[in-house]
Amino acid sequence: MEDFRCQCKKIVCQIEGNTIIIKCRHCKRYIHIHTKGLISIEYKLTPDPAEITPPAARIELPG
């Protein structure tokens, strides 16, 4: 299992194979998001999907 951290060093989620695991900070339940693999991870300042992400804030994942 791999911890995935924000640029501020706080753990955002954990990645285990094709599953993203997020812990709710309020009720402490775990949310498992099953995927068919991650392509990339982007850091954005707003939730707007149209926001342009600079290359330095984008992580391309191998595979």
N, C-alpha and C. Protein backbone atom coordinates (compact mmCIF):
# COMPACT_ATOMS: atom_id res chain seq x y z
N MET A 1 0.85 -1.17 0.00
CA MET A 1 0.00 0.00 0.00
C MET A 1 0.90 1.24 0.00
N GLU A 2 0.54 2.20 -0.82
CA GLU A 2 1.34 3.41 -0.97
C GLU A 2 0.53 4.62 -0.53
N ASP A 3 1.11 5.45 0.33
CA ASP A 3 0.47 6.70 0.74
C ASP A 3 0.63 7.72 -0.37
N PHE A 4 -0.44 8.42 -0.71
CA PHE A 4 -0.36 9.50 -1.68
C PHE A 4 -0.58 10.80 -0.94
N ARG A 5 0.37 11.73 -1.06
CA ARG A 5 0.34 12.97 -0.30
C ARG A 5 0.13 14.18 -1.20
N CYS A 6 -0.52 15.19 -0.63
CA CYS A 6 -0.68 16.47 -1.29
C CYS A 6 0.69 17.15 -1.33
N GLN A 7 0.79 18.23 -2.06
CA GLN A 7 2.05 18.98 -2.09
C GLN A 7 2.37 19.58 -0.73
N CYS A 8 1.37 19.72 0.16
CA CYS A 8 1.61 20.23 1.51
C CYS A 8 2.05 19.12 2.46
N LYS A 9 2.19 17.89 1.97
CA LYS A 9 2.67 16.70 2.69
C LYS A 9 1.59 15.96 3.48
N LYS A 10 0.34 16.42 3.45
CA LYS A 10 -0.75 15.71 4.13
C LYS A 10 -1.16 14.50 3.29
N ILE A 11 -1.42 13.36 3.96
CA ILE A 11 -1.87 12.17 3.24
C ILE A 11 -3.28 12.41 2.73
N VAL A 12 -3.48 12.23 1.43
CA VAL A 12 -4.79 12.42 0.81
C VAL A 12 -5.51 11.09 0.69
N CYS A 13 -4.78 10.06 0.30
CA CYS A 13 -5.37 8.73 0.14
C CYS A 13 -4.25 7.70 0.13
N GLN A 14 -4.64 6.45 0.05
CA GLN A 14 -3.68 5.37 -0.11
C GLN A 14 -4.04 4.65 -1.39
N ILE A 15 -3.03 4.15 -2.09
CA ILE A 15 -3.25 3.44 -3.34
C ILE A 15 -2.73 2.02 -3.16
N GLU A 16 -3.61 1.06 -3.43
CA GLU A 16 -3.25 -0.35 -3.34
C GLU A 16 -3.69 -1.01 -4.63
N GLY A 17 -2.74 -1.21 -5.53
CA GLY A 17 -3.08 -1.77 -6.84
C GLY A 17 -4.01 -0.83 -7.59
N ASN A 18 -5.18 -1.33 -7.98
CA ASN A 18 -6.16 -0.52 -8.70
C ASN A 18 -7.24 0.04 -7.78
N THR A 19 -6.96 0.11 -6.48
CA THR A 19 -7.93 0.62 -5.51
C THR A 19 -7.38 1.85 -4.81
N ILE A 20 -8.20 2.91 -4.78
CA ILE A 20 -7.86 4.13 -4.04
C ILE A 20 -8.64 4.07 -2.74
N ILE A 21 -7.95 4.25 -1.61
CA ILE A 21 -8.58 4.16 -0.30
C ILE A 21 -8.53 5.54 0.36
N ILE A 22 -9.71 6.05 0.74
CA ILE A 22 -9.82 7.36 1.37
C ILE A 22 -10.52 7.18 2.71
N LYS A 23 -9.98 7.79 3.77
CA LYS A 23 -10.60 7.73 5.09
C LYS A 23 -11.35 9.03 5.35
N CYS A 24 -12.63 8.92 5.70
CA CYS A 24 -13.43 10.10 6.02
C CYS A 24 -12.90 10.71 7.32
N ARG A 25 -12.59 11.98 7.30
CA ARG A 25 -12.03 12.60 8.51
C ARG A 25 -13.08 12.84 9.58
N HIS A 26 -14.36 12.70 9.23
CA HIS A 26 -15.43 12.92 10.21
C HIS A 26 -15.87 11.62 10.88
N CYS A 27 -16.27 10.63 10.09
CA CYS A 27 -16.81 9.39 10.67
C CYS A 27 -15.79 8.26 10.73
N LYS A 28 -14.61 8.47 10.14
CA LYS A 28 -13.51 7.50 10.16
C LYS A 28 -13.76 6.24 9.32
N ARG A 29 -14.81 6.26 8.48
CA ARG A 29 -15.04 5.13 7.56
C ARG A 29 -14.04 5.21 6.41
N TYR A 30 -13.80 4.07 5.77
CA TYR A 30 -12.92 4.01 4.62
C TYR A 30 -13.75 3.87 3.35
N ILE A 31 -13.42 4.65 2.34
CA ILE A 31 -14.07 4.58 1.04
C ILE A 31 -13.07 3.91 0.09
N HIS A 32 -13.49 2.83 -0.57
CA HIS A 32 -12.64 2.14 -1.54
C HIS A 32 -13.17 2.45 -2.93
N ILE A 33 -12.35 3.05 -3.76
CA ILE A 33 -12.71 3.36 -5.13
C ILE A 33 -11.93 2.41 -6.02
N HIS A 34 -12.64 1.51 -6.69
CA HIS A 34 -11.99 0.51 -7.55
C HIS A 34 -11.89 1.08 -8.96
N THR A 35 -10.70 0.99 -9.54
CA THR A 35 -10.44 1.53 -10.87
C THR A 35 -9.87 0.43 -11.76
N LYS A 36 -9.69 0.77 -13.01
CA LYS A 36 -9.00 -0.11 -13.95
C LYS A 36 -7.59 0.42 -14.18
N GLY A 37 -7.06 1.11 -13.20
CA GLY A 37 -5.71 1.67 -13.30
C GLY A 37 -5.75 3.19 -13.36
N LEU A 38 -4.74 3.81 -12.78
CA LEU A 38 -4.62 5.27 -12.79
C LEU A 38 -3.75 5.69 -13.96
N ILE A 39 -4.12 6.77 -14.61
CA ILE A 39 -3.34 7.30 -15.72
C ILE A 39 -2.46 8.45 -15.26
N SER A 40 -3.05 9.39 -14.51
CA SER A 40 -2.29 10.53 -14.01
C SER A 40 -3.00 11.11 -12.80
N ILE A 41 -2.26 11.95 -12.06
CA ILE A 41 -2.80 12.66 -10.91
C ILE A 41 -2.44 14.13 -11.09
N GLU A 42 -3.42 15.02 -10.92
CA GLU A 42 -3.19 16.45 -11.09
C GLU A 42 -3.47 17.19 -9.80
N TYR A 43 -2.64 18.19 -9.51
CA TYR A 43 -2.87 19.09 -8.38
C TYR A 43 -3.54 20.34 -8.93
N LYS A 44 -4.70 20.72 -8.38
CA LYS A 44 -5.41 21.92 -8.82
C LYS A 44 -5.80 22.76 -7.61
N LEU A 45 -5.96 24.04 -7.82
CA LEU A 45 -6.34 24.95 -6.74
C LEU A 45 -7.85 25.11 -6.64
N THR A 46 -8.59 24.71 -7.68
CA THR A 46 -10.04 24.80 -7.67
C THR A 46 -10.63 23.48 -8.17
N PRO A 47 -11.91 23.21 -7.90
CA PRO A 47 -12.52 21.98 -8.40
C PRO A 47 -12.92 22.07 -9.88
N ASP A 48 -12.65 23.20 -10.52
CA ASP A 48 -13.04 23.42 -11.92
C ASP A 48 -12.27 22.48 -12.85
N PRO A 49 -12.97 21.57 -13.56
CA PRO A 49 -12.27 20.64 -14.45
C PRO A 49 -11.65 21.33 -15.66
N ALA A 50 -12.09 22.56 -15.98
CA ALA A 50 -11.55 23.28 -17.13
C ALA A 50 -10.25 24.01 -16.80
N GLU A 51 -9.89 24.06 -15.52
CA GLU A 51 -8.65 24.74 -15.12
C GLU A 51 -7.46 24.06 -15.78
N ILE A 52 -6.58 24.85 -16.35
CA ILE A 52 -5.38 24.30 -17.00
C ILE A 52 -4.36 23.93 -15.93
N THR A 53 -3.86 22.72 -16.02
CA THR A 53 -2.89 22.23 -15.05
C THR A 53 -1.48 22.36 -15.62
N PRO A 54 -0.60 23.13 -14.95
CA PRO A 54 0.78 23.23 -15.44
C PRO A 54 1.48 21.88 -15.34
N PRO A 55 2.43 21.61 -16.24
CA PRO A 55 3.12 20.31 -16.22
C PRO A 55 3.75 19.96 -14.88
N ALA A 56 4.21 20.94 -14.12
CA ALA A 56 4.86 20.67 -12.83
C ALA A 56 3.87 20.14 -11.80
N ALA A 57 2.57 20.36 -12.02
CA ALA A 57 1.56 19.92 -11.07
C ALA A 57 0.84 18.66 -11.54
N ARG A 58 1.40 17.98 -12.52
CA ARG A 58 0.80 16.77 -13.07
C ARG A 58 1.78 15.61 -12.91
N ILE A 59 1.29 14.50 -12.42
CA ILE A 59 2.13 13.31 -12.24
C ILE A 59 1.64 12.24 -13.19
N GLU A 60 2.48 11.84 -14.13
CA GLU A 60 2.15 10.74 -15.04
C GLU A 60 2.56 9.45 -14.37
N LEU A 61 1.65 8.51 -14.32
CA LEU A 61 1.92 7.24 -13.67
C LEU A 61 2.35 6.20 -14.69
N PRO A 62 3.33 5.38 -14.35
CA PRO A 62 3.79 4.34 -15.29
C PRO A 62 2.72 3.27 -15.47
N GLY A 63 2.73 2.68 -16.63
CA GLY A 63 1.85 1.53 -16.79
C GLY A 63 0.95 1.64 -17.90
